[in-house]
C-alpha atoms as a PDB file:
ATOM      1  CA  MET A   1      18.991-166.541-135.140  1.00  0.00           C
ATOM      2  CA  ASP A   2      15.413-167.796-135.294  1.00  0.00           C
ATOM      3  CA  ALA A   3      14.424-165.904-132.148  1.00  0.00           C
ATOM      4  CA  VAL A   4      16.212-162.703-133.162  1.00  0.00           C
ATOM      5  CA  ALA A   5      14.723-162.655-136.670  1.00  0.00           C
ATOM      6  CA  GLN A   6      11.144-163.359-135.677  1.00  0.00           C
ATOM      7  CA  THR A   7      11.124-161.119-132.599  1.00  0.00           C
ATOM      8  CA  ASN A   8      12.289-158.195-134.730  1.00  0.00           C
ATOM      9  CA  ILE A   9       9.691-158.853-137.415  1.00  0.00           C
ATOM     10  CA  TRP A  10       6.759-159.510-135.095  1.00  0.00           C
ATOM     11  CA  SER A  11       7.596-156.397-133.054  1.00  0.00           C
ATOM     12  CA  VAL A  12       7.295-154.211-136.150  1.00  0.00           C
ATOM     13  CA  ILE A  13       4.051-155.921-137.219  1.00  0.00           C
ATOM     14  CA  GLY A  14       2.644-155.574-133.703  1.00  0.00           C
ATOM     15  CA  VAL A  15       3.365-151.880-133.225  1.00  0.00           C
ATOM     16  CA  SER A  16       2.330-150.906-136.764  1.00  0.00           C
ATOM     17  CA  GLY A  17      -0.750-153.114-137.042  1.00  0.00           C
ATOM     18  CA  LYS A  18       0.242-153.709-140.678  1.00  0.00           C
ATOM     19  CA  ARG A  19       1.083-156.850-142.579  1.00  0.00           C
ATOM     20  CA  GLY A  20       4.587-157.613-143.772  1.00  0.00           C
ATOM     21  CA  GLN A  21       3.979-156.623-147.384  1.00  0.00           C
ATOM     22  CA  GLU A  22       2.351-153.329-146.350  1.00  0.00           C
ATOM     23  CA  ILE A  23       5.359-152.511-144.174  1.00  0.00           C
ATOM     24  CA  ALA A  24       7.742-153.348-147.030  1.00  0.00           C
ATOM     25  CA  ASN A  25       5.812-151.011-149.354  1.00  0.00           C
ATOM     26  CA  SER A  26       6.201-148.242-146.765  1.00  0.00           C
ATOM     27  CA  VAL A  27       9.968-148.757-146.835  1.00  0.00           C
ATOM     28  CA  LEU A  28      10.140-148.731-150.640  1.00  0.00           C
ATOM     29  CA  PRO A  29       7.162-148.638-153.052  1.00  0.00           C
ATOM     30  CA  GLY A  30       6.868-151.966-154.842  1.00  0.00           C
ATOM     31  CA  LEU A  31       9.015-153.835-152.317  1.00  0.00           C
ATOM     32  CA  GLY A  32       5.890-155.322-150.748  1.00  0.00           C
ATOM     33  CA  VAL A  33       4.851-156.871-154.060  1.00  0.00           C
ATOM     34  CA  PHE A  34       8.289-158.447-154.419  1.00  0.00           C
ATOM     35  CA  LEU A  35       8.154-159.730-150.841  1.00  0.00           C
ATOM     36  CA  THR A  36       4.665-161.150-151.477  1.00  0.00           C
ATOM     37  CA  PHE A  37       5.972-163.060-154.493  1.00  0.00           C
ATOM     38  CA  LEU A  38       8.830-164.543-152.465  1.00  0.00           C
ATOM     39  CA  VAL A  39       6.640-165.489-149.491  1.00  0.00           C
ATOM     40  CA  VAL A  40       3.941-167.120-151.615  1.00  0.00           C
ATOM     41  CA  LEU A  41       6.545-169.007-153.643  1.00  0.00           C
ATOM     42  CA  GLY A  42       8.236-170.263-150.478  1.00  0.00           C
ATOM     43  CA  GLY A  43       4.867-171.074-148.905  1.00  0.00           C
ATOM     44  CA  LEU A  44       3.797-173.103-151.915  1.00  0.00           C
ATOM     45  CA  ALA A  45       7.045-175.062-151.989  1.00  0.00           C
ATOM     46  CA  PHE A  46       6.760-175.781-148.283  1.00  0.00           C
ATOM     47  CA  ASN A  47       3.097-176.690-148.461  1.00  0.00           C
ATOM     48  CA  ILE A  48       3.778-179.349-151.072  1.00  0.00           C
ATOM     49  CA  GLY A  49       6.294-180.807-148.634  1.00  0.00           C
ATOM     50  CA  ASN A  50       3.800-180.451-145.782  1.00  0.00           C
ATOM     51  CA  VAL A  51       1.276-182.567-147.678  1.00  0.00           C
ATOM     52  CA  GLY A  52       4.065-185.078-148.242  1.00  0.00           C
ATOM     53  CA  GLY A  53       4.698-185.117-144.482  1.00  0.00           C
ATOM     54  CA  VAL A  54       1.064-186.041-143.863  1.00  0.00           C
ATOM     55  CA  ALA A  55       1.374-188.809-146.467  1.00  0.00           C
ATOM     56  CA  LEU A  56       4.497-190.193-144.763  1.00  0.00           C
ATOM     57  CA  GLY A  57       2.629-190.117-141.463  1.00  0.00           C
ATOM     58  CA  PHE A  58      -0.227-192.160-142.931  1.00  0.00           C
ATOM     59  CA  ASP A  59       2.323-194.590-144.355  1.00  0.00           C
ATOM     60  CA  ALA A  60       4.016-195.128-140.983  1.00  0.00           C
ATOM     61  CA  MET A  61       0.702-195.460-139.135  1.00  0.00           C
ATOM     62  CA  PHE A  62      -1.339-197.538-141.598  1.00  0.00           C
ATOM     63  CA  GLY A  63       0.959-198.478-144.485  1.00  0.00           C
ATOM     64  CA  LEU A  64      -0.935-196.316-146.986  1.00  0.00           C
ATOM     65  CA  HIS A  65       0.646-195.520-150.344  1.00  0.00           C
ATOM     66  CA  GLU A  66       2.238-192.052-150.467  1.00  0.00           C
ATOM     67  CA  LYS A  67      -0.173-190.688-153.086  1.00  0.00           C
ATOM     68  CA  ILE A  68      -3.263-191.949-151.277  1.00  0.00           C
ATOM     69  CA  GLY A  69      -1.959-190.471-148.047  1.00  0.00           C
ATOM     70  CA  ALA A  70      -1.338-187.128-149.777  1.00  0.00           C
ATOM     71  CA  LEU A  71      -4.891-186.999-151.099  1.00  0.00           C
ATOM     72  CA  LEU A  72      -6.340-187.898-147.703  1.00  0.00           C
ATOM     73  CA  GLY A  73      -4.112-185.354-145.953  1.00  0.00           C
ATOM     74  CA  GLY A  74      -5.046-182.508-148.272  1.00  0.00           C
ATOM     75  CA  THR A  75      -8.739-183.377-148.047  1.00  0.00           C
ATOM     76  CA  LEU A  76      -8.581-183.521-144.243  1.00  0.00           C
ATOM     77  CA  ALA A  77      -6.853-180.128-144.062  1.00  0.00           C
ATOM     78  CA  ILE A  78      -9.554-178.571-146.253  1.00  0.00           C
ATOM     79  CA  CYS A  79     -12.322-180.131-144.125  1.00  0.00           C
ATOM     80  CA  ILE A  80     -10.783-178.798-140.915  1.00  0.00           C
ATOM     81  CA  PHE A  81     -10.469-175.327-142.397  1.00  0.00           C
ATOM     82  CA  LEU A  82     -14.033-175.297-143.762  1.00  0.00           C
ATOM     83  CA  SER A  83     -15.608-176.703-140.614  1.00  0.00           C
ATOM     84  CA  LYS A  84     -17.922-174.509-138.556  1.00  0.00           C
ATOM     85  CA  SER A  85     -15.839-171.925-136.696  1.00  0.00           C
ATOM     86  CA  GLY A  86     -12.956-173.160-138.848  1.00  0.00           C
ATOM     87  CA  LYS A  87     -10.273-170.829-137.518  1.00  0.00           C
ATOM     88  CA  ALA A  88     -11.097-171.711-133.915  1.00  0.00           C
ATOM     89  CA  ALA A  89     -11.024-175.390-134.841  1.00  0.00           C
ATOM     90  CA  VAL A  90      -7.600-174.971-136.448  1.00  0.00           C
ATOM     91  CA  ASP A  91      -6.275-173.337-133.283  1.00  0.00           C
ATOM     92  CA  LYS A  92      -7.623-176.150-131.110  1.00  0.00           C
ATOM     93  CA  VAL A  93      -6.309-178.869-133.419  1.00  0.00           C
ATOM     94  CA  ALA A  94      -2.879-177.191-133.465  1.00  0.00           C
ATOM     95  CA  GLN A  95      -2.760-177.134-129.658  1.00  0.00           C
ATOM     96  CA  VAL A  96      -3.791-180.776-129.256  1.00  0.00           C
ATOM     97  CA  LEU A  97      -1.562-182.140-132.015  1.00  0.00           C
ATOM     98  CA  GLY A  98       1.346-179.968-130.882  1.00  0.00           C
ATOM     99  CA  GLY A  99       1.090-181.524-127.420  1.00  0.00           C
ATOM    100  CA  ILE A 100       1.003-185.001-128.980  1.00  0.00           C
ATOM    101  CA  ILE A 101       4.154-184.288-130.991  1.00  0.00           C
ATOM    102  CA  ILE A 102       6.130-183.203-127.932  1.00  0.00           C
ATOM    103  CA  LEU A 103       5.028-186.214-125.861  1.00  0.00           C
ATOM    104  CA  VAL A 104       5.908-188.605-128.699  1.00  0.00           C
ATOM    105  CA  MET A 105       9.342-187.079-129.185  1.00  0.00           C
ATOM    106  CA  LEU A 106      10.061-187.009-125.460  1.00  0.00           C
ATOM    107  CA  PHE A 107       9.108-190.676-125.063  1.00  0.00           C
ATOM    108  CA  VAL A 108      11.338-191.890-127.894  1.00  0.00           C
ATOM    109  CA  ALA A 109      14.216-189.543-127.012  1.00  0.00           C
ATOM    110  CA  ILE A 110      14.334-191.027-123.498  1.00  0.00           C
ATOM    111  CA  SER A 111      13.948-194.589-124.799  1.00  0.00           C
ATOM    112  CA  SER A 112      16.856-194.275-127.255  1.00  0.00           C
ATOM    113  CA  LYS A 113      19.275-193.033-124.532  1.00  0.00           C
ATOM    114  CA  PRO A 114      21.274-190.528-126.612  1.00  0.00           C
ATOM    115  CA  PRO A 115      24.676-189.157-125.492  1.00  0.00           C
ATOM    116  CA  VAL A 116      23.330-185.764-124.462  1.00  0.00           C
ATOM    117  CA  GLY A 117      26.638-184.564-122.988  1.00  0.00           C
ATOM    118  CA  GLU A 118      28.520-185.150-126.222  1.00  0.00           C
ATOM    119  CA  ALA A 119      25.770-183.407-128.188  1.00  0.00           C
ATOM    120  CA  VAL A 120      25.988-180.326-125.961  1.00  0.00           C
ATOM    121  CA  VAL A 121      29.779-180.177-126.330  1.00  0.00           C
ATOM    122  CA  ARG A 122      29.541-180.400-130.130  1.00  0.00           C
ATOM    123  CA  ILE A 123      27.207-177.393-130.224  1.00  0.00           C
ATOM    124  CA  PHE A 124      30.260-175.289-129.396  1.00  0.00           C
ATOM    125  CA  THR A 125      32.978-177.482-130.959  1.00  0.00           C
ATOM    126  CA  PRO A 126      31.640-178.996-134.207  1.00  0.00           C
ATOM    127  CA  GLU A 127      34.033-181.396-135.890  1.00  0.00           C
ATOM    128  CA  ARG A 128      33.541-180.064-139.449  1.00  0.00           C
ATOM    129  CA  PRO A 129      32.047-176.559-139.226  1.00  0.00           C
ATOM    130  CA  GLY A 130      32.519-175.930-142.947  1.00  0.00           C
ATOM    131  CA  SER A 131      30.135-178.743-143.817  1.00  0.00           C
ATOM    132  CA  MET A 132      27.394-177.122-141.718  1.00  0.00           C
ATOM    133  CA  VAL A 133      26.668-174.248-144.133  1.00  0.00           C
ATOM    134  CA  GLY A 134      24.082-176.057-146.263  1.00  0.00           C
ATOM    135  CA  PRO A 135      22.282-177.738-143.350  1.00  0.00           C
ATOM    136  CA  MET A 136      22.237-174.496-141.339  1.00  0.00           C
ATOM    137  CA  LEU A 137      20.621-172.610-144.221  1.00  0.00           C
ATOM    138  CA  THR A 138      17.985-175.327-144.623  1.00  0.00           C
ATOM    139  CA  LEU A 139      17.271-175.474-140.885  1.00  0.00           C
ATOM    140  CA  LEU A 140      17.152-171.687-140.591  1.00  0.00           C
ATOM    141  CA  GLY A 141      14.824-171.466-143.579  1.00  0.00           C
ATOM    142  CA  GLY A 142      12.641-174.202-142.129  1.00  0.00           C
ATOM    143  CA  SER A 143      12.556-172.387-138.784  1.00  0.00           C
ATOM    144  CA  CYS A 144      11.950-168.779-139.754  1.00  0.00           C
ATOM    145  CA  GLY A 145      12.391-168.309-143.501  1.00  0.00           C
ATOM    146  CA  GLY A 146       9.860-167.308-146.117  1.00  0.00           C
ATOM    147  CA  TYR A 147       6.236-167.484-145.011  1.00  0.00           C
ATOM    148  CA  ILE A 148       7.214-168.949-141.606  1.00  0.00           C
ATOM    149  CA  THR A 149       8.662-165.577-140.599  1.00  0.00           C
ATOM    150  CA  PHE A 150       5.174-164.079-140.767  1.00  0.00           C
ATOM    151  CA  SER A 151       3.143-167.161-139.865  1.00  0.00           C
ATOM    152  CA  GLY A 152       0.873-166.412-136.926  1.00  0.00           C
ATOM    153  CA  ALA A 153       1.186-162.635-136.965  1.00  0.00           C
ATOM    154  CA  PRO A 154      -1.662-162.200-139.503  1.00  0.00           C
ATOM    155  CA  ARG A 155      -3.904-164.246-137.215  1.00  0.00           C
ATOM    156  CA  LEU A 156      -3.229-161.826-134.362  1.00  0.00           C
ATOM    157  CA  LEU A 157      -3.989-158.868-136.630  1.00  0.00           C
ATOM    158  CA  ASP A 158      -7.238-160.504-137.763  1.00  0.00           C
ATOM    159  CA  ALA A 159      -8.125-161.052-134.097  1.00  0.00           C
ATOM    160  CA  GLY A 160      -7.866-157.316-133.453  1.00  0.00           C
ATOM    161  CA  TYR A 161      -4.404-157.133-131.884  1.00  0.00           C
ATOM    162  CA  GLY A 162      -1.687-154.699-132.959  1.00  0.00           C
ATOM    163  CA  GLY A 163      -1.491-151.060-133.931  1.00  0.00           C
ATOM    164  CA  ASN A 164       0.193-149.487-130.891  1.00  0.00           C
ATOM    165  CA  LYS A 165       3.310-149.941-128.772  1.00  0.00           C
ATOM    166  CA  ASP A 166       1.362-151.538-125.908  1.00  0.00           C
ATOM    167  CA  GLU A 167       0.593-154.541-128.143  1.00  0.00           C
ATOM    168  CA  VAL A 168       4.235-155.350-128.891  1.00  0.00           C
ATOM    169  CA  SER A 169       4.776-157.443-125.756  1.00  0.00           C
ATOM    170  CA  HIS A 170       1.838-159.679-126.721  1.00  0.00           C
ATOM    171  CA  PHE A 171       3.322-160.294-130.175  1.00  0.00           C
ATOM    172  CA  ARG A 172       6.766-161.025-128.729  1.00  0.00           C
ATOM    173  CA  GLN A 173       5.374-163.438-126.182  1.00  0.00           C
ATOM    174  CA  SER A 174       3.427-165.276-128.874  1.00  0.00           C
ATOM    175  CA  VAL A 175       6.363-165.677-131.241  1.00  0.00           C
ATOM    176  CA  LEU A 176       8.818-166.728-128.514  1.00  0.00           C
ATOM    177  CA  THR A 177       6.349-169.360-127.294  1.00  0.00           C
ATOM    178  CA  GLY A 178       6.099-170.761-130.818  1.00  0.00           C
ATOM    179  CA  ILE A 179       9.875-170.764-131.264  1.00  0.00           C
ATOM    180  CA  SER A 180      10.340-172.565-127.940  1.00  0.00           C
ATOM    181  CA  VAL A 181       7.889-175.308-128.896  1.00  0.00           C
ATOM    182  CA  SER A 182       9.243-175.854-132.419  1.00  0.00           C
ATOM    183  CA  GLY A 183      12.843-175.697-131.194  1.00  0.00           C
ATOM    184  CA  THR A 184      12.117-178.287-128.505  1.00  0.00           C
ATOM    185  CA  VAL A 185      10.610-180.634-131.081  1.00  0.00           C
ATOM    186  CA  ARG A 186      13.655-180.322-133.368  1.00  0.00           C
ATOM    187  CA  ILE A 187      16.064-181.033-130.525  1.00  0.00           C
ATOM    188  CA  LEU A 188      14.047-184.021-129.330  1.00  0.00           C
ATOM    189  CA  LEU A 189      13.848-185.468-132.852  1.00  0.00           C
ATOM    190  CA  PHE A 190      17.603-185.072-133.247  1.00  0.00           C
ATOM    191  CA  LEU A 191      18.198-186.844-129.922  1.00  0.00           C
ATOM    192  CA  CYS A 192      15.843-189.675-130.968  1.00  0.00           C
ATOM    193  CA  VAL A 193      17.901-190.471-134.063  1.00  0.00           C
ATOM    194  CA  LEU A 194      21.240-189.801-132.342  1.00  0.00           C
ATOM    195  CA  GLY A 195      20.352-192.246-129.583  1.00  0.00           C
ATOM    196  CA  VAL A 196      19.699-195.077-132.013  1.00  0.00           C
ATOM    197  CA  CYS A 197      22.780-194.320-134.127  1.00  0.00           C
ATOM    198  CA  THR A 198      25.022-194.574-131.056  1.00  0.00           C
ATOM    199  CA  GLN A 199      23.494-197.776-129.665  1.00  0.00           C
ATOM    200  CA  GLY A 200      25.774-199.920-131.821  1.00  0.00           C
ATOM    201  CA  THR A 201      26.542-200.508-135.482  1.00  0.00           C
ATOM    202  CA  ALA A 202      24.666-203.800-135.510  1.00  0.00           C
ATOM    203  CA  LEU A 203      21.291-202.170-135.031  1.00  0.00           C
ATOM    204  CA  VAL A 204      21.939-199.615-137.750  1.00  0.00           C
ATOM    205  CA  THR A 205      23.611-202.024-140.186  1.00  0.00           C
ATOM    206  CA  ALA A 206      20.679-204.418-139.951  1.00  0.00           C
ATOM    207  CA  ASN A 207      18.398-201.707-141.306  1.00  0.00           C
ATOM    208  CA  VAL A 208      20.663-200.025-143.860  1.00  0.00           C
ATOM    209  CA  GLU A 209      19.324-201.953-146.845  1.00  0.00           C
ATOM    210  CA  ALA A 210      15.702-201.237-145.968  1.00  0.00           C
ATOM    211  CA  ILE A 211      16.413-197.561-145.354  1.00  0.00           C
ATOM    212  CA  THR A 212      18.473-196.867-148.479  1.00  0.00           C
ATOM    213  CA  SER A 213      16.010-198.678-150.743  1.00  0.00           C
ATOM    214  CA  ALA A 214      13.054-196.709-149.419  1.00  0.00           C
ATOM    215  CA  LYS A 215      11.334-193.997-151.477  1.00  0.00           C
ATOM    216  CA  ASN A 216      12.148-191.498-148.764  1.00  0.00           C
ATOM    217  CA  PRO A 217      15.423-192.527-147.059  1.00  0.00           C
ATOM    218  CA  ALA A 218      15.520-189.590-144.645  1.00  0.00           C
ATOM    219  CA  ALA A 219      12.019-190.186-143.322  1.00  0.00           C
ATOM    220  CA  GLU A 220      12.586-193.945-143.260  1.00  0.00           C
ATOM    221  CA  ALA A 221      15.791-193.476-141.253  1.00  0.00           C
ATOM    222  CA  ALA A 222      13.929-191.398-138.695  1.00  0.00           C
ATOM    223  CA  ALA A 223      11.098-193.922-138.618  1.00  0.00           C
ATOM    224  CA  GLU A 224      13.568-196.756-138.026  1.00  0.00           C
ATOM    225  CA  ALA A 225      15.044-194.755-135.155  1.00  0.00           C
ATOM    226  CA  PHE A 226      11.621-194.728-133.553  1.00  0.00           C
ATOM    227  CA  ARG A 227      11.077-198.441-134.274  1.00  0.00           C
ATOM    228  CA  LEU A 228      14.427-199.451-132.799  1.00  0.00           C
ATOM    229  CA  ALA A 229      13.971-197.246-129.750  1.00  0.00           C
ATOM    230  CA  ALA A 230      10.390-198.170-128.918  1.00  0.00           C
ATOM    231  CA  GLY A 231       9.369-201.085-131.146  1.00  0.00           C
ATOM    232  CA  ASN A 232       6.414-200.982-133.532  1.00  0.00           C
ATOM    233  CA  LEU A 233       4.644-198.628-131.149  1.00  0.00           C
ATOM    234  CA  GLY A 234       7.475-196.135-131.625  1.00  0.00           C
ATOM    235  CA  TYR A 235       7.164-196.493-135.396  1.00  0.00           C
ATOM    236  CA  ARG A 236       3.423-195.733-135.243  1.00  0.00           C
ATOM    237  CA  LEU A 237       4.064-192.801-132.924  1.00  0.00           C
ATOM    238  CA  PHE A 238       6.540-191.396-135.423  1.00  0.00           C
ATOM    239  CA  GLY A 239       3.815-191.573-138.056  1.00  0.00           C
ATOM    240  CA  LEU A 240       1.446-189.760-135.708  1.00  0.00           C
ATOM    241  CA  ALA A 241       4.038-187.019-135.148  1.00  0.00           C
ATOM    242  CA  LEU A 242       4.556-186.541-138.895  1.00  0.00           C
ATOM    243  CA  PHE A 243       0.805-186.525-139.488  1.00  0.00           C
ATOM    244  CA  SER A 244       0.154-183.994-136.716  1.00  0.00           C
ATOM    245  CA  ALA A 245       2.876-181.613-137.829  1.00  0.00           C
ATOM    246  CA  GLY A 246       1.878-181.938-141.464  1.00  0.00           C
ATOM    247  CA  VAL A 247      -1.833-181.197-141.060  1.00  0.00           C
ATOM    248  CA  THR A 248      -1.332-178.068-138.941  1.00  0.00           C
ATOM    249  CA  SER A 249       1.434-176.829-141.257  1.00  0.00           C
ATOM    250  CA  VAL A 250      -0.659-177.335-144.412  1.00  0.00           C
ATOM    251  CA  ILE A 251      -3.380-175.054-143.032  1.00  0.00           C
ATOM    252  CA  GLY A 252      -0.945-172.523-141.568  1.00  0.00           C
ATOM    253  CA  ALA A 253       1.136-172.196-144.744  1.00  0.00           C
ATOM    254  CA  ALA A 254      -1.948-171.678-146.898  1.00  0.00           C
ATOM    255  CA  TYR A 255      -3.437-169.101-144.513  1.00  0.00           C
ATOM    256  CA  THR A 256      -0.239-167.057-144.273  1.00  0.00           C
ATOM    257  CA  SER A 257       0.486-167.151-148.008  1.00  0.00           C
ATOM    258  CA  VAL A 258      -3.023-166.010-148.910  1.00  0.00           C
ATOM    259  CA  SER A 259      -2.863-163.281-146.242  1.00  0.00           C
ATOM    260  CA  PHE A 260      -0.099-161.739-148.362  1.00  0.00           C
ATOM    261  CA  LEU A 261      -2.027-162.100-151.605  1.00  0.00           C
ATOM    262  CA  LYS A 262      -5.232-160.536-150.312  1.00  0.00           C
ATOM    263  CA  THR A 263      -3.631-157.088-149.995  1.00  0.00           C
ATOM    264  CA  LEU A 264      -2.834-157.071-153.715  1.00  0.00           C
ATOM    265  CA  HIS A 265      -6.436-157.090-154.935  1.00  0.00           C
ATOM    266  CA  PRO A 266      -9.899-156.802-153.318  1.00  0.00           C
ATOM    267  CA  PHE A 267     -11.033-159.952-155.148  1.00  0.00           C
ATOM    268  CA  VAL A 268      -8.598-162.071-153.126  1.00  0.00           C
ATOM    269  CA  ARG A 269      -9.742-160.456-149.870  1.00  0.00           C
ATOM    270  CA  GLU A 270     -13.416-161.070-150.691  1.00  0.00           C
ATOM    271  CA  HIS A 271     -12.775-164.729-151.504  1.00  0.00           C
ATOM    272  CA  GLU A 272     -10.012-165.451-148.974  1.00  0.00           C
ATOM    273  CA  SER A 273     -11.430-168.818-147.889  1.00  0.00           C
ATOM    274  CA  HIS A 274     -11.698-170.005-151.491  1.00  0.00           C
ATOM    275  CA  PHE A 275      -8.102-169.045-152.179  1.00  0.00           C
ATOM    276  CA  ILE A 276      -6.903-170.896-149.060  1.00  0.00           C
ATOM    277  CA  VAL A 277      -8.786-174.028-150.122  1.00  0.00           C
ATOM    278  CA  GLY A 278      -7.391-173.666-153.638  1.00  0.00           C
ATOM    279  CA  PHE A 279      -3.854-173.262-152.268  1.00  0.00           C
ATOM    280  CA  ILE A 280      -4.184-176.482-150.260  1.00  0.00           C
ATOM    281  CA  ALA A 281      -5.809-178.322-153.177  1.00  0.00           C
ATOM    282  CA  PHE A 282      -3.070-177.262-155.613  1.00  0.00           C
ATOM    283  CA  SER A 283      -0.324-178.282-153.162  1.00  0.00           C
ATOM    284  CA  THR A 284      -2.008-181.656-152.725  1.00  0.00           C
ATOM    285  CA  LEU A 285      -2.309-182.145-156.485  1.00  0.00           C
ATOM    286  CA  VAL A 286       1.362-181.359-157.080  1.00  0.00           C
ATOM    287  CA  MET A 287       2.481-183.690-154.285  1.00  0.00           C
ATOM    288  CA  THR A 288       0.216-186.451-155.572  1.00  0.00           C
ATOM    289  CA  VAL A 289       1.494-186.145-159.142  1.00  0.00           C
ATOM    290  CA  LEU A 290       5.191-185.536-158.476  1.00  0.00           C
ATOM    291  CA  GLY A 291       5.815-187.347-155.183  1.00  0.00           C
ATOM    292  CA  GLY A 292       9.265-187.152-153.583  1.00  0.00           C
ATOM    293  CA  ALA A 293       8.494-185.342-150.334  1.00  0.00           C
ATOM    294  CA  LYS A 294      12.077-185.484-149.032  1.00  0.00           C
ATOM    295  CA  LYS A 295      13.637-183.435-151.831  1.00  0.00           C
ATOM    296  CA  MET A 296      10.784-180.942-151.809  1.00  0.00           C
ATOM    297  CA  VAL A 297      11.072-180.343-148.051  1.00  0.00           C
ATOM    298  CA  ILE A 298      14.843-179.812-148.256  1.00  0.00           C
ATOM    299  CA  PHE A 299      14.459-177.564-151.298  1.00  0.00           C
ATOM    300  CA  ALA A 300      11.691-175.579-149.596  1.00  0.00           C
ATOM    301  CA  GLY A 301      13.815-175.049-146.486  1.00  0.00           C
ATOM    302  CA  ALA A 302      16.719-173.800-148.592  1.00  0.00           C
ATOM    303  CA  VAL A 303      14.497-171.493-150.682  1.00  0.00           C
ATOM    304  CA  ASN A 304      12.929-170.012-147.563  1.00  0.00           C
ATOM    305  CA  GLY A 305      16.412-169.564-146.125  1.00  0.00           C
ATOM    306  CA  LEU A 306      17.267-167.449-149.173  1.00  0.00           C
ATOM    307  CA  ILE A 307      14.195-165.284-148.518  1.00  0.00           C
ATOM    308  CA  LEU A 308      14.958-164.632-144.822  1.00  0.00           C
ATOM    309  CA  PRO A 309      17.704-161.983-145.213  1.00  0.00           C
ATOM    310  CA  ILE A 310      15.452-159.996-147.587  1.00  0.00           C
ATOM    311  CA  SER A 311      12.350-160.057-145.375  1.00  0.00           C
ATOM    312  CA  LEU A 312      14.303-159.333-142.175  1.00  0.00           C
ATOM    313  CA  CYS A 313      16.162-156.479-143.868  1.00  0.00           C
ATOM    314  CA  CYS A 314      12.815-154.900-144.866  1.00  0.00           C
ATOM    315  CA  MET A 315      11.540-155.035-141.284  1.00  0.00           C
ATOM    316  CA  LEU A 316      14.769-153.636-139.798  1.00  0.00           C
ATOM    317  CA  LEU A 317      14.619-150.707-142.186  1.00  0.00           C
ATOM    318  CA  ALA A 318      11.051-150.095-141.020  1.00  0.00           C
ATOM    319  CA  CYS A 319      11.541-150.517-137.258  1.00  0.00           C
ATOM    320  CA  ARG A 320      12.814-146.954-136.842  1.00  0.00           C
ATOM    321  CA  ASN A 321      10.594-145.337-139.451  1.00  0.00           C
ATOM    322  CA  PRO A 322       7.994-143.099-137.710  1.00  0.00           C
ATOM    323  CA  LYS A 323       5.622-143.570-140.660  1.00  0.00           C
ATOM    324  CA  VAL A 324       5.518-147.286-139.860  1.00  0.00           C
ATOM    325  CA  VAL A 325       5.962-147.624-136.085  1.00  0.00           C
ATOM    326  CA  GLY A 326       4.855-144.188-134.903  1.00  0.00           C
ATOM    327  CA  LYS A 327       6.765-141.536-132.999  1.00  0.00           C
ATOM    328  CA  GLU A 328       6.475-143.067-129.526  1.00  0.00           C
ATOM    329  CA  TYR A 329       7.854-146.542-130.186  1.00  0.00           C
ATOM    330  CA  ARG A 330      11.560-147.207-129.600  1.00  0.00           C
ATOM    331  CA  HIS A 331      12.886-150.463-131.001  1.00  0.00           C
ATOM    332  CA  PRO A 332      15.445-152.110-128.644  1.00  0.00           C
ATOM    333  CA  ILE A 333      19.004-151.344-129.788  1.00  0.00           C
ATOM    334  CA  ALA A 334      20.305-154.828-128.899  1.00  0.00           C
ATOM    335  CA  LEU A 335      17.522-156.482-130.917  1.00  0.00           C
ATOM    336  CA  TYR A 336      18.196-154.118-133.815  1.00  0.00           C
ATOM    337  CA  VAL A 337      21.954-154.846-133.881  1.00  0.00           C
ATOM    338  CA  LEU A 338      21.465-158.609-133.527  1.00  0.00           C
ATOM    339  CA  GLY A 339      18.949-158.439-136.355  1.00  0.00           C
ATOM    340  CA  TRP A 340      21.505-157.003-138.750  1.00  0.00           C
ATOM    341  CA  ILE A 341      24.001-159.665-137.673  1.00  0.00           C
ATOM    342  CA  VAL A 342      21.441-162.336-138.604  1.00  0.00           C
ATOM    343  CA  VAL A 343      20.852-160.601-141.966  1.00  0.00           C
ATOM    344  CA  LEU A 344      24.577-160.690-142.744  1.00  0.00           C
ATOM    345  CA  PHE A 345      25.100-164.259-141.555  1.00  0.00           C
ATOM    346  CA  SER A 346      21.985-165.692-143.238  1.00  0.00           C
ATOM    347  CA  GLY A 347      22.924-163.805-146.409  1.00  0.00           C
ATOM    348  CA  TYR A 348      26.370-165.398-146.285  1.00  0.00           C
ATOM    349  CA  LEU A 349      24.810-168.832-145.807  1.00  0.00           C
ATOM    350  CA  ALA A 350      22.481-168.239-148.741  1.00  0.00           C
ATOM    351  CA  ILE A 351      25.234-167.108-151.122  1.00  0.00           C
ATOM    352  CA  THR A 352      27.494-169.995-150.068  1.00  0.00           C
ATOM    353  CA  ALA A 353      24.814-172.693-150.357  1.00  0.00           C
ATOM    354  CA  LEU A 354      23.077-171.443-153.531  1.00  0.00           C
ATOM    355  CA  PRO A 355      25.303-173.317-156.041  1.00  0.00           C
ATOM    356  CA  ASN A 356      24.442-176.638-154.364  1.00  0.00           C
ATOM    357  CA  LEU A 357      20.654-176.339-154.609  1.00  0.00           C
ATOM    358  CA  GLY A 358      20.608-177.706-158.150  1.00  0.00           C
ATOM    359  CA  LYS A 359      22.254-180.930-156.967  1.00  0.00           C
ATOM    360  CA  LEU A 360      19.040-181.925-155.191  1.00  0.00           C
ATOM    361  CA  PHE A 361      17.391-182.682-158.523  1.00  0.00           C
ATOM    362  CA  SER A 362      20.415-183.797-160.519  1.00  0.00           C
END
């Protein structure tokens, strides 16, 4: 679903050379403004969680308090963005830290010896499929919902790509590469925790009290998986993985969200860098004051999952509109049909899971 949704959307952006909100306005006047509101809202929610991820990384690596780690993480993200040739620096940092994340996950996944065969079987034969609705919406939203759907495409447009059918293959290759990397990381992280959980109840039971009493049980459970699989070194590596993912995501979420806002008014376009810094600073402030990264990340994933069917629907309506894609471009029929299937299924997930969102904060 991730690959189908993003390939459809990036294809339309690539051939049109327009941003998501501009395409939505071409489909229906005013729809782009509504889409901008949703994307920025989802981006803000996620960015608060991203700052929390950096804080949890600092905690695992150095034992820093969550609020101190959040402040340091937000400040570091702003410094990276404002550095000389900031955008190039962000790209380089993302490449290096992305490589670190994959190596860390691979090391711990192998060390924890998970039952890979059983995991593969359960992909096709889940024991309780009904209970998967909420988690699937959150994972889908965290993979390609909200701002994430458009994340990266504005950078290609700013770099001069897009605007004709010959550019579409470049956009598709870029998005599929990103999906492959992020999907690999998610699978490896799952196998890391699965491996520890299946090593024996004694190992898990010995750490239950520490995990459940932690401020962030989910993150602490994952951290303990790394500690049990690879000792204290594994625990520190988990912190490094969280830190790396958090810093790159903080910058990316702010950049994409502001790229939607800058089409609404020339003032935003003229002061884009200031708005990006302000977006990061506000996210950091909220995370520092409120805390509770786990709930915010889950809530953000669910919210962005609610946005996905709307944004994908807008792009599918545009992919055959000559005013948007031109008269020469022909959108693949299979991709088009699969896209509508994802719209229907993600919409079903959203409607089914919506009543449970309030329970996160009850």
